[in-house]
Amino acid sequence: MKMTVYRYKVYDHQHDDLAHIPPHYATREYIEELEGATVIEYDSLEVDESDLDTHGRILVRED
């Protein structure tokens, strides 16, 4: 089954709200459970559900 996964930003409130973009895409459900995380709506992929790890993430392969 195909699923949409998104890039996201995680803000570190202890360091002047510095944003970090993790090296993977994740399901919206996973991102919404993270504290200080925001979905990057325009950066998404359609992937097979079987390609996701147990958390609903897939590693980004930057070439």
PDB file of N, CA and C in Angstrom:
ATOM      1  N   MET A   1       0.830  -1.164   0.000  1.00  0.00           N
ATOM      2  CA  MET A   1       0.000   0.000   0.000  1.00  0.00           C
ATOM      3  C   MET A   1       0.894   1.254   0.000  1.00  0.00           C
ATOM      4  N   LYS A   2       0.547   2.242  -0.798  1.00  0.00           N
ATOM      5  CA  LYS A   2       1.305   3.489  -0.883  1.00  0.00           C
ATOM      6  C   LYS A   2       0.921   4.422   0.259  1.00  0.00           C
ATOM      7  N   MET A   3       1.929   5.124   0.783  1.00  0.00           N
ATOM      8  CA  MET A   3       1.714   6.098   1.849  1.00  0.00           C
ATOM      9  C   MET A   3       2.486   7.359   1.521  1.00  0.00           C
ATOM     10  N   THR A   4       2.004   8.480   2.031  1.00  0.00           N
ATOM     11  CA  THR A   4       2.715   9.744   1.877  1.00  0.00           C
ATOM     12  C   THR A   4       3.531   9.998   3.129  1.00  0.00           C
ATOM     13  N   VAL A   5       4.808  10.298   2.937  1.00  0.00           N
ATOM     14  CA  VAL A   5       5.694  10.653   4.043  1.00  0.00           C
ATOM     15  C   VAL A   5       6.247  12.047   3.778  1.00  0.00           C
ATOM     16  N   TYR A   6       6.612  12.746   4.839  1.00  0.00           N
ATOM     17  CA  TYR A   6       7.009  14.152   4.752  1.00  0.00           C
ATOM     18  C   TYR A   6       8.353  14.397   5.415  1.00  0.00           C
ATOM     19  N   ARG A   7       9.063  15.419   4.930  1.00  0.00           N
ATOM     20  CA  ARG A   7      10.217  15.953   5.659  1.00  0.00           C
ATOM     21  C   ARG A   7       9.644  16.807   6.777  1.00  0.00           C
ATOM     22  N   TYR A   8      10.435  17.053   7.802  1.00  0.00           N
ATOM     23  CA  TYR A   8       9.953  17.871   8.903  1.00  0.00           C
ATOM     24  C   TYR A   8      11.107  18.562   9.609  1.00  0.00           C
ATOM     25  N   LYS A   9      10.768  19.597  10.335  1.00  0.00           N
ATOM     26  CA  LYS A   9      11.734  20.359  11.129  1.00  0.00           C
ATOM     27  C   LYS A   9      11.447  20.115  12.602  1.00  0.00           C
ATOM     28  N   VAL A  10      12.501  20.002  13.370  1.00  0.00           N
ATOM     29  CA  VAL A  10      12.376  19.891  14.819  1.00  0.00           C
ATOM     30  C   VAL A  10      13.094  21.094  15.417  1.00  0.00           C
ATOM     31  N   TYR A  11      12.384  21.833  16.252  1.00  0.00           N
ATOM     32  CA  TYR A  11      12.945  23.032  16.871  1.00  0.00           C
ATOM     33  C   TYR A  11      13.506  22.712  18.242  1.00  0.00           C
ATOM     34  N   ASP A  12      14.689  23.251  18.518  1.00  0.00           N
ATOM     35  CA  ASP A  12      15.334  23.095  19.818  1.00  0.00           C
ATOM     36  C   ASP A  12      15.148  24.389  20.597  1.00  0.00           C
ATOM     37  N   HIS A  13      14.209  24.401  21.511  1.00  0.00           N
ATOM     38  CA  HIS A  13      13.882  25.603  22.267  1.00  0.00           C
ATOM     39  C   HIS A  13      15.001  26.025  23.224  1.00  0.00           C
ATOM     40  N   GLN A  14      15.930  25.142  23.524  1.00  0.00           N
ATOM     41  CA  GLN A  14      17.035  25.485  24.418  1.00  0.00           C
ATOM     42  C   GLN A  14      18.142  26.249  23.689  1.00  0.00           C
ATOM     43  N   HIS A  15      18.120  26.206  22.369  1.00  0.00           N
ATOM     44  CA  HIS A  15      19.154  26.878  21.574  1.00  0.00           C
ATOM     45  C   HIS A  15      18.525  27.874  20.611  1.00  0.00           C
ATOM     46  N   ASP A  16      17.786  28.843  21.157  1.00  0.00           N
ATOM     47  CA  ASP A  16      17.204  29.939  20.370  1.00  0.00           C
ATOM     48  C   ASP A  16      16.326  29.451  19.218  1.00  0.00           C
ATOM     49  N   ASP A  17      15.561  28.398  19.457  1.00  0.00           N
ATOM     50  CA  ASP A  17      14.644  27.864  18.451  1.00  0.00           C
ATOM     51  C   ASP A  17      15.343  27.459  17.154  1.00  0.00           C
ATOM     52  N   LEU A  18      16.538  26.957  17.254  1.00  0.00           N
ATOM     53  CA  LEU A  18      17.277  26.470  16.098  1.00  0.00           C
ATOM     54  C   LEU A  18      16.546  25.267  15.503  1.00  0.00           C
ATOM     55  N   ALA A  19      16.323  25.284  14.198  1.00  0.00           N
ATOM     56  CA  ALA A  19      15.607  24.182  13.540  1.00  0.00           C
ATOM     57  C   ALA A  19      16.603  23.162  12.988  1.00  0.00           C
ATOM     58  N   HIS A  20      16.253  21.913  13.135  1.00  0.00           N
ATOM     59  CA  HIS A  20      17.045  20.788  12.617  1.00  0.00           C
ATOM     60  C   HIS A  20      16.138  19.968  11.713  1.00  0.00           C
ATOM     61  N   ILE A  21      16.632  19.577  10.534  1.00  0.00           N
ATOM     62  CA  ILE A  21      15.862  18.709   9.641  1.00  0.00           C
ATOM     63  C   ILE A  21      16.498  17.320   9.696  1.00  0.00           C
ATOM     64  N   PRO A  22      15.794  16.349  10.276  1.00  0.00           N
ATOM     65  CA  PRO A  22      16.320  14.983  10.384  1.00  0.00           C
ATOM     66  C   PRO A  22      16.578  14.366   9.002  1.00  0.00           C
ATOM     67  N   PRO A  23      17.436  13.344   8.935  1.00  0.00           N
ATOM     68  CA  PRO A  23      17.814  12.754   7.648  1.00  0.00           C
ATOM     69  C   PRO A  23      16.811  11.727   7.110  1.00  0.00           C
ATOM     70  N   HIS A  24      15.541  11.876   7.434  1.00  0.00           N
ATOM     71  CA  HIS A  24      14.551  10.937   6.918  1.00  0.00           C
ATOM     72  C   HIS A  24      13.190  11.623   6.753  1.00  0.00           C
ATOM     73  N   TYR A  25      12.345  10.977   5.984  1.00  0.00           N
ATOM     74  CA  TYR A  25      10.947  11.386   5.849  1.00  0.00           C
ATOM     75  C   TYR A  25      10.159  10.546   6.853  1.00  0.00           C
ATOM     76  N   ALA A  26       8.974  11.006   7.239  1.00  0.00           N
ATOM     77  CA  ALA A  26       8.172  10.256   8.205  1.00  0.00           C
ATOM     78  C   ALA A  26       6.689  10.481   7.943  1.00  0.00           C
ATOM     79  N   THR A  27       5.871   9.579   8.478  1.00  0.00           N
ATOM     80  CA  THR A  27       4.428   9.734   8.357  1.00  0.00           C
ATOM     81  C   THR A  27       3.974  10.926   9.184  1.00  0.00           C
ATOM     82  N   ARG A  28       2.868  11.509   8.797  1.00  0.00           N
ATOM     83  CA  ARG A  28       2.315  12.649   9.527  1.00  0.00           C
ATOM     84  C   ARG A  28       2.039  12.259  10.987  1.00  0.00           C
ATOM     85  N   GLU A  29       1.567  11.038  11.214  1.00  0.00           N
ATOM     86  CA  GLU A  29       1.262  10.586  12.574  1.00  0.00           C
ATOM     87  C   GLU A  29       2.509  10.592  13.462  1.00  0.00           C
ATOM     88  N   TYR A  30       3.627  10.138  12.919  1.00  0.00           N
ATOM     89  CA  TYR A  30       4.885  10.129  13.675  1.00  0.00           C
ATOM     90  C   TYR A  30       5.306  11.555  14.007  1.00  0.00           C
ATOM     91  N   ILE A  31       5.261  12.446  13.022  1.00  0.00           N
ATOM     92  CA  ILE A  31       5.702  13.828  13.203  1.00  0.00           C
ATOM     93  C   ILE A  31       4.842  14.548  14.237  1.00  0.00           C
ATOM     94  N   GLU A  32       3.542  14.332  14.193  1.00  0.00           N
ATOM     95  CA  GLU A  32       2.641  15.025  15.115  1.00  0.00           C
ATOM     96  C   GLU A  32       2.864  14.627  16.572  1.00  0.00           C
ATOM     97  N   GLU A  33       3.480  13.483  16.805  1.00  0.00           N
ATOM     98  CA  GLU A  33       3.755  13.052  18.176  1.00  0.00           C
ATOM     99  C   GLU A  33       5.064  13.614  18.717  1.00  0.00           C
ATOM    100  N   LEU A  34       5.883  14.203  17.867  1.00  0.00           N
ATOM    101  CA  LEU A  34       7.153  14.772  18.305  1.00  0.00           C
ATOM    102  C   LEU A  34       6.936  16.173  18.866  1.00  0.00           C
ATOM    103  N   GLU A  35       7.608  16.476  19.954  1.00  0.00           N
ATOM    104  CA  GLU A  35       7.493  17.809  20.545  1.00  0.00           C
ATOM    105  C   GLU A  35       8.347  18.789  19.736  1.00  0.00           C
ATOM    106  N   GLY A  36       7.759  19.898  19.339  1.00  0.00           N
ATOM    107  CA  GLY A  36       8.481  20.931  18.609  1.00  0.00           C
ATOM    108  C   GLY A  36       8.725  20.611  17.147  1.00  0.00           C
ATOM    109  N   ALA A  37       7.976  19.683  16.579  1.00  0.00           N
ATOM    110  CA  ALA A  37       8.168  19.312  15.178  1.00  0.00           C
ATOM    111  C   ALA A  37       7.089  19.928  14.290  1.00  0.00           C
ATOM    112  N   THR A  38       7.478  20.281  13.067  1.00  0.00           N
ATOM    113  CA  THR A  38       6.572  20.865  12.090  1.00  0.00           C
ATOM    114  C   THR A  38       6.732  20.141  10.760  1.00  0.00           C
ATOM    115  N   VAL A  39       5.626  19.756  10.150  1.00  0.00           N
ATOM    116  CA  VAL A  39       5.634  19.097   8.842  1.00  0.00           C
ATOM    117  C   VAL A  39       6.006  20.111   7.770  1.00  0.00           C
ATOM    118  N   ILE A  40       6.860  19.712   6.834  1.00  0.00           N
ATOM    119  CA  ILE A  40       7.165  20.519   5.668  1.00  0.00           C
ATOM    120  C   ILE A  40       6.235  20.014   4.565  1.00  0.00           C
ATOM    121  N   GLU A  41       5.102  20.675   4.393  1.00  0.00           N
ATOM    122  CA  GLU A  41       4.023  20.210   3.512  1.00  0.00           C
ATOM    123  C   GLU A  41       4.450  20.006   2.056  1.00  0.00           C
ATOM    124  N   TYR A  42       5.305  20.871   1.543  1.00  0.00           N
ATOM    125  CA  TYR A  42       5.662  20.815   0.124  1.00  0.00           C
ATOM    126  C   TYR A  42       6.737  19.774  -0.198  1.00  0.00           C
ATOM    127  N   ASP A  43       7.294  19.126   0.813  1.00  0.00           N
ATOM    128  CA  ASP A  43       8.350  18.136   0.603  1.00  0.00           C
ATOM    129  C   ASP A  43       7.859  16.769   1.056  1.00  0.00           C
ATOM    130  N   SER A  44       7.270  16.022   0.124  1.00  0.00           N
ATOM    131  CA  SER A  44       6.711  14.714   0.469  1.00  0.00           C
ATOM    132  C   SER A  44       7.060  13.691  -0.602  1.00  0.00           C
ATOM    133  N   LEU A  45       6.907  12.423  -0.245  1.00  0.00           N
ATOM    134  CA  LEU A  45       7.142  11.301  -1.153  1.00  0.00           C
ATOM    135  C   LEU A  45       6.018  10.293  -1.012  1.00  0.00           C
ATOM    136  N   GLU A  46       5.731   9.575  -2.078  1.00  0.00           N
ATOM    137  CA  GLU A  46       4.829   8.427  -2.023  1.00  0.00           C
ATOM    138  C   GLU A  46       5.714   7.188  -1.964  1.00  0.00           C
ATOM    139  N   VAL A  47       5.584   6.389  -0.915  1.00  0.00           N
ATOM    140  CA  VAL A  47       6.410   5.194  -0.740  1.00  0.00           C
ATOM    141  C   VAL A  47       5.526   4.005  -0.377  1.00  0.00           C
ATOM    142  N   ASP A  48       6.069   2.807  -0.558  1.00  0.00           N
ATOM    143  CA  ASP A  48       5.374   1.607  -0.117  1.00  0.00           C
ATOM    144  C   ASP A  48       5.460   1.515   1.398  1.00  0.00           C
ATOM    145  N   GLU A  49       4.376   1.130   2.013  1.00  0.00           N
ATOM    146  CA  GLU A  49       4.329   0.997   3.468  1.00  0.00           C
ATOM    147  C   GLU A  49       5.411   0.044   3.970  1.00  0.00           C
ATOM    148  N   SER A  50       5.749  -0.964   3.199  1.00  0.00           N
ATOM    149  CA  SER A  50       6.756  -1.950   3.601  1.00  0.00           C
ATOM    150  C   SER A  50       8.170  -1.360   3.648  1.00  0.00           C
ATOM    151  N   ASP A  51       8.392  -0.197   3.030  1.00  0.00           N
ATOM    152  CA  ASP A  51       9.707   0.447   3.051  1.00  0.00           C
ATOM    153  C   ASP A  51       9.952   1.252   4.334  1.00  0.00           C
ATOM    154  N   LEU A  52       8.921   1.469   5.128  1.00  0.00           N
ATOM    155  CA  LEU A  52       9.033   2.273   6.348  1.00  0.00           C
ATOM    156  C   LEU A  52       9.545   1.431   7.511  1.00  0.00           C
ATOM    157  N   ASP A  53      10.259   2.075   8.436  1.00  0.00           N
ATOM    158  CA  ASP A  53      10.686   1.360   9.638  1.00  0.00           C
ATOM    159  C   ASP A  53       9.512   1.270  10.614  1.00  0.00           C
ATOM    160  N   THR A  54       9.741   0.737  11.790  1.00  0.00           N
ATOM    161  CA  THR A  54       8.657   0.524  12.761  1.00  0.00           C
ATOM    162  C   THR A  54       8.052   1.829  13.273  1.00  0.00           C
ATOM    163  N   HIS A  55       8.764   2.942  13.114  1.00  0.00           N
ATOM    164  CA  HIS A  55       8.265   4.243  13.551  1.00  0.00           C
ATOM    165  C   HIS A  55       7.513   4.983  12.448  1.00  0.00           C
ATOM    166  N   GLY A  56       7.583   4.479  11.230  1.00  0.00           N
ATOM    167  CA  GLY A  56       6.941   5.154  10.109  1.00  0.00           C
ATOM    168  C   GLY A  56       7.872   6.116   9.395  1.00  0.00           C
ATOM    169  N   ARG A  57       9.172   5.810   9.396  1.00  0.00           N
ATOM    170  CA  ARG A  57      10.166   6.677   8.770  1.00  0.00           C
ATOM    171  C   ARG A  57      10.874   5.948   7.642  1.00  0.00           C
ATOM    172  N   ILE A  58      11.454   6.742   6.732  1.00  0.00           N
ATOM    173  CA  ILE A  58      12.289   6.200   5.670  1.00  0.00           C
ATOM    174  C   ILE A  58      13.480   7.132   5.503  1.00  0.00           C
ATOM    175  N   LEU A  59      14.674   6.570   5.414  1.00  0.00           N
ATOM    176  CA  LEU A  59      15.904   7.343   5.305  1.00  0.00           C
ATOM    177  C   LEU A  59      15.980   8.045   3.960  1.00  0.00           C
ATOM    178  N   VAL A  60      16.456   9.278   3.954  1.00  0.00           N
ATOM    179  CA  VAL A  60      16.641  10.054   2.732  1.00  0.00           C
ATOM    180  C   VAL A  60      18.009   9.704   2.170  1.00  0.00           C
ATOM    181  N   ARG A  61      18.046   9.361   0.918  1.00  0.00           N
ATOM    182  CA  ARG A  61      19.322   9.087   0.257  1.00  0.00           C
ATOM    183  C   ARG A  61      19.673  10.283  -0.618  1.00  0.00           C
ATOM    184  N   GLU A  62      20.561  11.119  -0.119  1.00  0.00           N
ATOM    185  CA  GLU A  62      20.975  12.314  -0.863  1.00  0.00           C
ATOM    186  C   GLU A  62      22.124  11.927  -1.781  1.00  0.00           C
ATOM    187  N   ASP A  63      21.960  12.190  -3.065  1.00  0.00           N
ATOM    188  CA  ASP A  63      23.009  11.853  -4.042  1.00  0.00           C
ATOM    189  C   ASP A  63      23.822  13.058  -4.425  1.00  0.00           C
TER     190      ASP A  63
END
